[in-house]
Amino acid sequence: MASTLTTIGVNRPLNPPLRVELNPEHLPVAVRQAFEALAQAAAVKAGADQALHTAVPADKVRLQGKADAAQAAVDQALAAYGDVGGTSTTAIHDSAASSFHKAVEATAAAIREALDRLAEAGQAAALHASTKSGRAPVRLDTNAASEAPIRGQLAMLRGYLRDTLAGLPEDIN
């Protein structure tokens, strides 16, 4: 399950557009709430702008008022996000580090599971290679099993995964 980034585009009068792109799951609760409030305000503003741009001239004055109110809400949400985010840098670092460690641990678990599944596939391949017509297989360590090309291929893949597992970072710093 890959987590996704949330992108918020904020048009600010007399300033260049601002693009905020973060994964809210990595933020501490207070900052996440401010970020989500900003995202919601930006979505309302985008809807108001869309309505304004597609409106008939008679409705433009009324819709301009709604767009201006939505812009004020975005400005307020952006200021609140900046305030909360600026005063929460330690909490943001801690939350990001926690998310990092959880992701690395999940990755390590997935690699270990893949190693186990490849070992199981190797056993199945050995059984396939060891089975001779008219005979019940007795063991998996036959010459035919050890010489099967697929066994070497699986061993190589398992080696890559072990190297990958050993190369996973332990610390975010």
N, C-alpha and C. Protein backbone atom coordinates (compact mmCIF):
# COMPACT_ATOMS: atom_id res chain seq x y z
N MET A 1 0.85 -1.17 0.00
CA MET A 1 0.00 0.00 0.00
C MET A 1 0.89 1.23 0.00
N ALA A 2 0.89 1.92 -1.07
CA ALA A 2 1.70 3.14 -1.16
C ALA A 2 0.88 4.33 -0.70
N SER A 3 1.47 5.12 0.13
CA SER A 3 0.77 6.32 0.54
C SER A 3 0.97 7.38 -0.53
N THR A 4 0.03 8.29 -0.59
CA THR A 4 0.06 9.26 -1.67
C THR A 4 0.31 10.66 -1.14
N LEU A 5 0.88 11.45 -1.99
CA LEU A 5 1.10 12.85 -1.67
C LEU A 5 -0.16 13.64 -1.97
N THR A 6 -0.40 14.63 -1.16
CA THR A 6 -1.49 15.57 -1.40
C THR A 6 -0.87 16.85 -1.91
N THR A 7 -1.35 17.31 -3.04
CA THR A 7 -0.84 18.54 -3.63
C THR A 7 -1.90 19.62 -3.53
N ILE A 8 -1.48 20.75 -3.00
CA ILE A 8 -2.38 21.89 -2.87
C ILE A 8 -1.76 23.04 -3.64
N GLY A 9 -2.51 23.57 -4.58
CA GLY A 9 -2.08 24.75 -5.32
C GLY A 9 -2.77 25.97 -4.73
N VAL A 10 -1.98 26.95 -4.35
CA VAL A 10 -2.53 28.17 -3.75
C VAL A 10 -2.10 29.35 -4.60
N ASN A 11 -3.09 30.03 -5.16
CA ASN A 11 -2.82 31.27 -5.88
C ASN A 11 -2.94 32.41 -4.88
N ARG A 12 -1.87 33.18 -4.80
CA ARG A 12 -1.83 34.29 -3.85
C ARG A 12 -1.72 35.59 -4.62
N PRO A 13 -2.62 36.54 -4.33
CA PRO A 13 -2.54 37.82 -5.05
C PRO A 13 -1.18 38.49 -4.84
N LEU A 14 -0.62 38.99 -5.90
CA LEU A 14 0.67 39.70 -5.92
C LEU A 14 1.85 38.83 -5.50
N ASN A 15 1.67 37.52 -5.49
CA ASN A 15 2.74 36.57 -5.17
C ASN A 15 2.70 35.43 -6.18
N PRO A 16 3.81 34.77 -6.35
CA PRO A 16 3.77 33.61 -7.25
C PRO A 16 2.91 32.50 -6.63
N PRO A 17 2.36 31.64 -7.46
CA PRO A 17 1.57 30.53 -6.92
C PRO A 17 2.42 29.66 -6.00
N LEU A 18 1.78 29.10 -5.02
CA LEU A 18 2.45 28.23 -4.05
C LEU A 18 1.94 26.82 -4.24
N ARG A 19 2.85 25.89 -4.28
CA ARG A 19 2.48 24.47 -4.41
C ARG A 19 2.97 23.76 -3.15
N VAL A 20 2.03 23.24 -2.38
CA VAL A 20 2.35 22.50 -1.16
C VAL A 20 2.07 21.04 -1.47
N GLU A 21 3.09 20.19 -1.32
CA GLU A 21 2.94 18.78 -1.67
C GLU A 21 3.55 17.94 -0.55
N LEU A 22 2.67 17.33 0.23
CA LEU A 22 3.10 16.53 1.38
C LEU A 22 2.22 15.30 1.52
N ASN A 23 2.69 14.35 2.31
CA ASN A 23 1.87 13.22 2.71
C ASN A 23 1.35 13.54 4.10
N PRO A 24 0.06 13.79 4.25
CA PRO A 24 -0.47 14.19 5.56
C PRO A 24 -0.24 13.14 6.65
N GLU A 25 -0.10 11.88 6.26
CA GLU A 25 0.13 10.82 7.25
C GLU A 25 1.47 10.99 7.96
N HIS A 26 2.38 11.72 7.38
CA HIS A 26 3.70 11.91 7.98
C HIS A 26 3.74 13.09 8.95
N LEU A 27 2.66 13.84 9.03
CA LEU A 27 2.63 15.04 9.86
C LEU A 27 2.04 14.75 11.23
N PRO A 28 2.47 15.50 12.26
CA PRO A 28 1.81 15.37 13.56
C PRO A 28 0.37 15.86 13.46
N VAL A 29 -0.45 15.47 14.40
CA VAL A 29 -1.90 15.71 14.31
C VAL A 29 -2.24 17.18 14.09
N ALA A 30 -1.69 18.09 14.88
CA ALA A 30 -2.05 19.51 14.76
C ALA A 30 -1.68 20.06 13.38
N VAL A 31 -0.52 19.69 12.89
CA VAL A 31 -0.07 20.18 11.58
C VAL A 31 -0.90 19.52 10.48
N ARG A 32 -1.22 18.25 10.65
CA ARG A 32 -2.05 17.54 9.67
C ARG A 32 -3.43 18.20 9.56
N GLN A 33 -3.99 18.56 10.71
CA GLN A 33 -5.31 19.21 10.68
C GLN A 33 -5.24 20.55 9.96
N ALA A 34 -4.20 21.32 10.21
CA ALA A 34 -4.04 22.61 9.53
C ALA A 34 -3.82 22.39 8.03
N PHE A 35 -3.05 21.37 7.68
CA PHE A 35 -2.80 21.05 6.27
C PHE A 35 -4.10 20.64 5.58
N GLU A 36 -4.89 19.80 6.25
CA GLU A 36 -6.15 19.36 5.66
C GLU A 36 -7.14 20.52 5.54
N ALA A 37 -7.12 21.44 6.51
CA ALA A 37 -7.97 22.63 6.41
C ALA A 37 -7.56 23.48 5.21
N LEU A 38 -6.25 23.59 4.99
CA LEU A 38 -5.76 24.32 3.82
C LEU A 38 -6.19 23.63 2.53
N ALA A 39 -6.08 22.31 2.49
CA ALA A 39 -6.50 21.56 1.30
C ALA A 39 -7.98 21.76 1.02
N GLN A 40 -8.78 21.72 2.08
CA GLN A 40 -10.22 21.91 1.90
C GLN A 40 -10.53 23.33 1.42
N ALA A 41 -9.88 24.32 2.00
CA ALA A 41 -10.10 25.71 1.58
C ALA A 41 -9.67 25.90 0.13
N ALA A 42 -8.55 25.29 -0.25
CA ALA A 42 -8.08 25.41 -1.64
C ALA A 42 -9.05 24.73 -2.61
N ALA A 43 -9.64 23.63 -2.20
CA ALA A 43 -10.61 22.95 -3.05
C ALA A 43 -11.87 23.80 -3.23
N VAL A 44 -12.32 24.44 -2.16
CA VAL A 44 -13.47 25.34 -2.25
C VAL A 44 -13.15 26.51 -3.17
N LYS A 45 -11.95 27.04 -3.03
CA LYS A 45 -11.52 28.16 -3.88
C LYS A 45 -11.47 27.74 -5.35
N ALA A 46 -10.95 26.56 -5.61
CA ALA A 46 -10.89 26.07 -6.99
C ALA A 46 -12.29 25.91 -7.57
N GLY A 47 -13.21 25.41 -6.76
CA GLY A 47 -14.60 25.28 -7.22
C GLY A 47 -15.24 26.64 -7.49
N ALA A 48 -14.95 27.58 -6.60
CA ALA A 48 -15.49 28.93 -6.79
C ALA A 48 -14.92 29.58 -8.04
N ASP A 49 -13.62 29.39 -8.28
CA ASP A 49 -13.00 29.94 -9.48
C ASP A 49 -13.57 29.31 -10.74
N GLN A 50 -13.79 28.00 -10.70
CA GLN A 50 -14.36 27.30 -11.85
C GLN A 50 -15.76 27.81 -12.14
N ALA A 51 -16.54 27.96 -11.08
CA ALA A 51 -17.91 28.47 -11.26
C ALA A 51 -17.88 29.89 -11.82
N LEU A 52 -16.96 30.71 -11.35
CA LEU A 52 -16.85 32.08 -11.83
C LEU A 52 -16.46 32.14 -13.31
N HIS A 53 -15.55 31.28 -13.70
CA HIS A 53 -15.06 31.29 -15.08
C HIS A 53 -16.09 30.76 -16.08
N THR A 54 -17.01 29.93 -15.61
CA THR A 54 -18.00 29.35 -16.52
C THR A 54 -19.37 29.99 -16.39
N ALA A 55 -19.48 31.02 -15.55
CA ALA A 55 -20.78 31.64 -15.29
C ALA A 55 -21.18 32.60 -16.40
N VAL A 56 -22.45 32.77 -16.49
CA VAL A 56 -22.97 33.79 -17.41
C VAL A 56 -22.72 35.16 -16.78
N PRO A 57 -22.61 36.20 -17.56
CA PRO A 57 -22.26 37.51 -17.02
C PRO A 57 -23.17 37.99 -15.87
N ALA A 58 -24.42 37.65 -15.90
CA ALA A 58 -25.34 38.12 -14.85
C ALA A 58 -24.98 37.54 -13.48
N ASP A 59 -24.37 36.36 -13.44
CA ASP A 59 -24.03 35.71 -12.17
C ASP A 59 -22.62 36.04 -11.69
N LYS A 60 -21.83 36.68 -12.51
CA LYS A 60 -20.42 36.88 -12.17
C LYS A 60 -20.21 37.74 -10.94
N VAL A 61 -21.03 38.74 -10.71
CA VAL A 61 -20.85 39.60 -9.53
C VAL A 61 -21.07 38.79 -8.25
N ARG A 62 -22.14 38.00 -8.23
CA ARG A 62 -22.43 37.17 -7.06
C ARG A 62 -21.32 36.13 -6.85
N LEU A 63 -20.89 35.51 -7.92
CA LEU A 63 -19.85 34.48 -7.82
C LEU A 63 -18.49 35.07 -7.49
N GLN A 64 -18.25 36.31 -7.90
CA GLN A 64 -16.99 36.96 -7.55
C GLN A 64 -16.91 37.13 -6.03
N GLY A 65 -18.02 37.46 -5.41
CA GLY A 65 -18.04 37.57 -3.95
C GLY A 65 -17.72 36.24 -3.27
N LYS A 66 -18.26 35.16 -3.82
CA LYS A 66 -17.96 33.83 -3.28
C LYS A 66 -16.48 33.49 -3.50
N ALA A 67 -15.93 33.84 -4.66
CA ALA A 67 -14.52 33.57 -4.94
C ALA A 67 -13.62 34.38 -4.01
N ASP A 68 -14.01 35.63 -3.75
CA ASP A 68 -13.23 36.46 -2.83
C ASP A 68 -13.27 35.91 -1.41
N ALA A 69 -14.43 35.44 -0.99
CA ALA A 69 -14.56 34.83 0.35
C ALA A 69 -13.74 33.55 0.42
N ALA A 70 -13.75 32.78 -0.66
CA ALA A 70 -12.96 31.54 -0.68
C ALA A 70 -11.46 31.86 -0.64
N GLN A 71 -11.05 32.94 -1.33
CA GLN A 71 -9.64 33.35 -1.30
C GLN A 71 -9.25 33.78 0.12
N ALA A 72 -10.14 34.50 0.79
CA ALA A 72 -9.86 34.91 2.17
C ALA A 72 -9.72 33.69 3.08
N ALA A 73 -10.55 32.67 2.85
CA ALA A 73 -10.46 31.43 3.65
C ALA A 73 -9.14 30.71 3.37
N VAL A 74 -8.70 30.71 2.11
CA VAL A 74 -7.41 30.10 1.76
C VAL A 74 -6.27 30.86 2.44
N ASP A 75 -6.33 32.18 2.37
CA ASP A 75 -5.28 32.99 3.00
C ASP A 75 -5.21 32.72 4.50
N GLN A 76 -6.37 32.63 5.13
CA GLN A 76 -6.43 32.35 6.57
C GLN A 76 -5.91 30.95 6.87
N ALA A 77 -6.31 29.97 6.08
CA ALA A 77 -5.85 28.59 6.29
C ALA A 77 -4.34 28.47 6.05
N LEU A 78 -3.84 29.19 5.05
CA LEU A 78 -2.40 29.16 4.77
C LEU A 78 -1.61 29.79 5.92
N ALA A 79 -2.12 30.89 6.45
CA ALA A 79 -1.46 31.52 7.60
C ALA A 79 -1.49 30.60 8.81
N ALA A 80 -2.61 29.94 9.05
CA ALA A 80 -2.72 29.02 10.18
C ALA A 80 -1.77 27.83 10.00
N TYR A 81 -1.71 27.30 8.78
CA TYR A 81 -0.79 26.19 8.51
C TYR A 81 0.66 26.64 8.72
N GLY A 82 0.99 27.82 8.24
CA GLY A 82 2.35 28.34 8.43
C GLY A 82 2.69 28.53 9.90
N ASP A 83 1.74 29.03 10.68
CA ASP A 83 1.97 29.23 12.11
C ASP A 83 2.16 27.90 12.83
N VAL A 84 1.24 26.98 12.60
CA VAL A 84 1.33 25.67 13.29
C VAL A 84 2.56 24.90 12.83
N GLY A 85 2.80 24.90 11.52
CA GLY A 85 3.97 24.18 11.00
C GLY A 85 5.28 24.80 11.46
N GLY A 86 5.32 26.12 11.53
CA GLY A 86 6.54 26.80 11.95
C GLY A 86 6.89 26.60 13.41
N THR A 87 5.88 26.41 14.24
CA THR A 87 6.12 26.22 15.67
C THR A 87 6.19 24.74 16.05
N SER A 88 6.06 23.86 15.08
CA SER A 88 6.02 22.42 15.37
C SER A 88 7.14 21.65 14.68
N THR A 89 8.27 22.30 14.44
CA THR A 89 9.31 21.62 13.67
C THR A 89 9.84 20.37 14.37
N THR A 90 9.97 20.40 15.68
CA THR A 90 10.43 19.21 16.40
C THR A 90 9.42 18.08 16.26
N ALA A 91 8.14 18.40 16.42
CA ALA A 91 7.10 17.39 16.27
C ALA A 91 7.05 16.86 14.83
N ILE A 92 7.29 17.74 13.86
CA ILE A 92 7.31 17.29 12.46
C ILE A 92 8.48 16.36 12.23
N HIS A 93 9.66 16.72 12.75
CA HIS A 93 10.82 15.82 12.62
C HIS A 93 10.53 14.46 13.25
N ASP A 94 9.96 14.47 14.45
CA ASP A 94 9.66 13.21 15.14
C ASP A 94 8.64 12.39 14.37
N SER A 95 7.60 13.04 13.87
CA SER A 95 6.57 12.34 13.13
C SER A 95 7.12 11.77 11.82
N ALA A 96 7.94 12.55 11.13
CA ALA A 96 8.54 12.08 9.88
C ALA A 96 9.49 10.91 10.14
N ALA A 97 10.26 10.99 11.22
CA ALA A 97 11.17 9.89 11.56
C ALA A 97 10.39 8.63 11.90
N SER A 98 9.29 8.78 12.62
CA SER A 98 8.46 7.63 12.95
C SER A 98 7.88 7.00 11.68
N SER A 99 7.38 7.83 10.77
CA SER A 99 6.85 7.32 9.51
C SER A 99 7.93 6.63 8.69
N PHE A 100 9.13 7.20 8.70
CA PHE A 100 10.27 6.60 8.00
C PHE A 100 10.56 5.21 8.54
N HIS A 101 10.66 5.11 9.87
CA HIS A 101 10.99 3.81 10.48
C HIS A 101 9.89 2.77 10.24
N LYS A 102 8.64 3.19 10.28
CA LYS A 102 7.55 2.26 9.99
C LYS A 102 7.64 1.76 8.55
N ALA A 103 7.94 2.67 7.62
CA ALA A 103 8.04 2.28 6.21
C ALA A 103 9.21 1.34 5.97
N VAL A 104 10.35 1.62 6.61
CA VAL A 104 11.52 0.75 6.44
C VAL A 104 11.25 -0.62 7.06
N GLU A 105 10.60 -0.65 8.22
CA GLU A 105 10.27 -1.93 8.86
C GLU A 105 9.30 -2.73 7.98
N ALA A 106 8.32 -2.06 7.39
CA ALA A 106 7.39 -2.75 6.49
C ALA A 106 8.11 -3.28 5.26
N THR A 107 9.05 -2.51 4.75
CA THR A 107 9.84 -2.95 3.60
C THR A 107 10.66 -4.18 3.95
N ALA A 108 11.30 -4.16 5.11
CA ALA A 108 12.10 -5.31 5.55
C ALA A 108 11.22 -6.55 5.70
N ALA A 109 10.03 -6.38 6.26
CA ALA A 109 9.12 -7.51 6.42
C ALA A 109 8.70 -8.06 5.06
N ALA A 110 8.44 -7.18 4.11
CA ALA A 110 8.06 -7.62 2.77
C ALA A 110 9.20 -8.36 2.08
N ILE A 111 10.43 -7.89 2.28
CA ILE A 111 11.58 -8.58 1.67
C ILE A 111 11.76 -9.95 2.31
N ARG A 112 11.62 -10.02 3.63
CA ARG A 112 11.74 -11.33 4.29
C ARG A 112 10.65 -12.29 3.81
N GLU A 113 9.44 -11.77 3.62
CA GLU A 113 8.36 -12.61 3.09
C GLU A 113 8.69 -13.07 1.67
N ALA A 114 9.24 -12.18 0.85
CA ALA A 114 9.62 -12.55 -0.51
C ALA A 114 10.72 -13.62 -0.49
N LEU A 115 11.66 -13.49 0.45
CA LEU A 115 12.70 -14.52 0.58
C LEU A 115 12.09 -15.87 0.93
N ASP A 116 11.13 -15.87 1.85
CA ASP A 116 10.46 -17.13 2.24
C ASP A 116 9.70 -17.72 1.05
N ARG A 117 9.04 -16.87 0.29
CA ARG A 117 8.27 -17.37 -0.87
C ARG A 117 9.20 -17.90 -1.97
N LEU A 118 10.33 -17.25 -2.16
CA LEU A 118 11.28 -17.77 -3.14
C LEU A 118 11.89 -19.09 -2.67
N ALA A 119 12.11 -19.25 -1.37
CA ALA A 119 12.59 -20.53 -0.84
C ALA A 119 11.55 -21.62 -1.09
N GLU A 120 10.29 -21.26 -0.89
CA GLU A 120 9.21 -22.21 -1.15
C GLU A 120 9.15 -22.57 -2.64
N ALA A 121 9.34 -21.56 -3.49
CA ALA A 121 9.36 -21.81 -4.93
C ALA A 121 10.54 -22.72 -5.29
N GLY A 122 11.67 -22.54 -4.62
CA GLY A 122 12.82 -23.40 -4.85
C GLY A 122 12.54 -24.84 -4.46
N GLN A 123 11.83 -25.02 -3.37
CA GLN A 123 11.46 -26.39 -2.97
C GLN A 123 10.52 -27.01 -3.99
N ALA A 124 9.57 -26.22 -4.49
CA ALA A 124 8.66 -26.74 -5.52
C ALA A 124 9.42 -27.08 -6.80
N ALA A 125 10.38 -26.23 -7.15
CA ALA A 125 11.19 -26.50 -8.35
C ALA A 125 12.04 -27.76 -8.15
N ALA A 126 12.55 -27.95 -6.94
CA ALA A 126 13.35 -29.16 -6.66
C ALA A 126 12.47 -30.40 -6.75
N LEU A 127 11.26 -30.31 -6.23
CA LEU A 127 10.34 -31.45 -6.33
C LEU A 127 10.03 -31.74 -7.79
N HIS A 128 9.79 -30.70 -8.57
CA HIS A 128 9.51 -30.88 -9.99
C HIS A 128 10.68 -31.56 -10.69
N ALA A 129 11.89 -31.11 -10.41
CA ALA A 129 13.07 -31.69 -11.07
C ALA A 129 13.38 -33.09 -10.55
N SER A 130 13.02 -33.38 -9.32
CA SER A 130 13.33 -34.68 -8.72
C SER A 130 12.33 -35.76 -9.08
N THR A 131 11.21 -35.39 -9.61
CA THR A 131 10.16 -36.37 -9.92
C THR A 131 10.46 -37.04 -11.25
N LYS A 132 10.60 -38.34 -11.20
CA LYS A 132 10.88 -39.14 -12.40
C LYS A 132 9.66 -40.00 -12.72
N SER A 133 9.47 -40.23 -13.97
CA SER A 133 8.33 -41.02 -14.43
C SER A 133 8.35 -42.40 -13.80
N GLY A 134 7.24 -42.78 -13.21
CA GLY A 134 7.10 -44.11 -12.64
C GLY A 134 7.66 -44.24 -11.24
N ARG A 135 8.20 -43.17 -10.64
CA ARG A 135 8.77 -43.23 -9.29
C ARG A 135 8.19 -42.13 -8.42
N ALA A 136 7.94 -42.45 -7.20
CA ALA A 136 7.50 -41.44 -6.25
C ALA A 136 8.74 -40.68 -5.75
N PRO A 137 8.68 -39.37 -5.65
CA PRO A 137 9.85 -38.62 -5.17
C PRO A 137 10.10 -38.91 -3.69
N VAL A 138 11.37 -39.00 -3.33
CA VAL A 138 11.74 -39.31 -1.96
C VAL A 138 12.39 -38.12 -1.27
N ARG A 139 13.20 -37.39 -1.99
CA ARG A 139 13.87 -36.23 -1.40
C ARG A 139 14.11 -35.17 -2.46
N LEU A 140 14.47 -33.96 -1.98
CA LEU A 140 14.62 -32.83 -2.88
C LEU A 140 16.07 -32.55 -3.24
N ASP A 141 17.01 -33.22 -2.62
CA ASP A 141 18.43 -32.92 -2.86
C ASP A 141 19.05 -33.86 -3.88
N THR A 142 18.34 -34.08 -4.96
CA THR A 142 18.86 -34.94 -6.02
C THR A 142 19.75 -34.13 -6.95
N ASN A 143 20.52 -34.82 -7.76
CA ASN A 143 21.36 -34.15 -8.75
C ASN A 143 20.50 -33.37 -9.74
N ALA A 144 19.38 -33.95 -10.14
CA ALA A 144 18.50 -33.27 -11.09
C ALA A 144 17.97 -31.97 -10.48
N ALA A 145 17.64 -31.99 -9.20
CA ALA A 145 17.12 -30.79 -8.54
C ALA A 145 18.20 -29.72 -8.43
N SER A 146 19.41 -30.13 -8.04
CA SER A 146 20.47 -29.13 -7.87
C SER A 146 20.97 -28.58 -9.20
N GLU A 147 20.79 -29.31 -10.28
CA GLU A 147 21.24 -28.85 -11.60
C GLU A 147 20.16 -28.13 -12.39
N ALA A 148 18.96 -28.04 -11.86
CA ALA A 148 17.87 -27.37 -12.58
C ALA A 148 18.18 -25.88 -12.70
N PRO A 149 18.10 -25.32 -13.90
CA PRO A 149 18.43 -23.89 -14.09
C PRO A 149 17.59 -22.95 -13.22
N ILE A 150 16.35 -23.31 -12.98
CA ILE A 150 15.50 -22.43 -12.19
C ILE A 150 16.00 -22.28 -10.77
N ARG A 151 16.63 -23.32 -10.24
CA ARG A 151 17.16 -23.24 -8.88
C ARG A 151 18.24 -22.17 -8.78
N GLY A 152 19.12 -22.10 -9.77
CA GLY A 152 20.16 -21.08 -9.78
C GLY A 152 19.57 -19.68 -9.91
N GLN A 153 18.55 -19.58 -10.73
CA GLN A 153 17.88 -18.30 -10.92
C GLN A 153 17.23 -17.84 -9.60
N LEU A 154 16.57 -18.76 -8.92
CA LEU A 154 15.94 -18.41 -7.64
C LEU A 154 16.99 -18.07 -6.58
N ALA A 155 18.09 -18.78 -6.59
CA ALA A 155 19.16 -18.49 -5.63
C ALA A 155 19.74 -17.10 -5.88
N MET A 156 19.88 -16.74 -7.15
CA MET A 156 20.39 -15.41 -7.48
C MET A 156 19.41 -14.33 -7.00
N LEU A 157 18.13 -14.54 -7.22
CA LEU A 157 17.13 -13.58 -6.76
C LEU A 157 17.13 -13.46 -5.25
N ARG A 158 17.26 -14.58 -4.56
CA ARG A 158 17.31 -14.54 -3.10
C ARG A 158 18.55 -13.79 -2.62
N GLY A 159 19.66 -13.94 -3.34
CA GLY A 159 20.87 -13.20 -2.99
C GLY A 159 20.68 -11.70 -3.16
N TYR A 160 20.02 -11.30 -4.25
CA TYR A 160 19.72 -9.87 -4.44
C TYR A 160 18.86 -9.33 -3.31
N LEU A 161 17.85 -10.11 -2.93
CA LEU A 161 16.97 -9.66 -1.86
C LEU A 161 17.69 -9.59 -0.52
N ARG A 162 18.57 -10.54 -0.24
CA ARG A 162 19.36 -10.48 1.01
C ARG A 162 20.26 -9.24 1.01
N ASP A 163 20.86 -8.93 -0.15
CA ASP A 163 21.68 -7.71 -0.25
C ASP A 163 20.83 -6.46 -0.04
N THR A 164 19.64 -6.47 -0.62
CA THR A 164 18.74 -5.33 -0.45
C THR A 164 18.33 -5.17 1.01
N LEU A 165 18.03 -6.28 1.65
CA LEU A 165 17.65 -6.24 3.06
C LEU A 165 18.79 -5.70 3.91
N ALA A 166 20.01 -6.13 3.62
CA ALA A 166 21.16 -5.65 4.37
C ALA A 166 21.44 -4.17 4.09
N GLY A 167 21.03 -3.68 2.94
CA GLY A 167 21.29 -2.30 2.57
C GLY A 167 20.22 -1.30 3.00
N LEU A 168 19.16 -1.78 3.63
CA LEU A 168 18.12 -0.84 4.08
C LEU A 168 18.68 0.10 5.13
N PRO A 169 18.34 1.38 5.06
CA PRO A 169 18.85 2.33 6.05
C PRO A 169 18.26 2.06 7.42
N GLU A 170 19.07 2.28 8.44
CA GLU A 170 18.61 2.06 9.81
C GLU A 170 18.17 3.36 10.46
N ASP A 171 18.69 4.48 9.98
CA ASP A 171 18.39 5.76 10.60
C ASP A 171 18.11 6.79 9.53
N ILE A 172 17.26 7.72 9.85
CA ILE A 172 16.87 8.75 8.88
C ILE A 172 17.95 9.82 8.74
N ASN A 173 18.78 9.96 9.74
CA ASN A 173 19.83 10.99 9.68
C ASN A 173 20.98 10.43 8.93
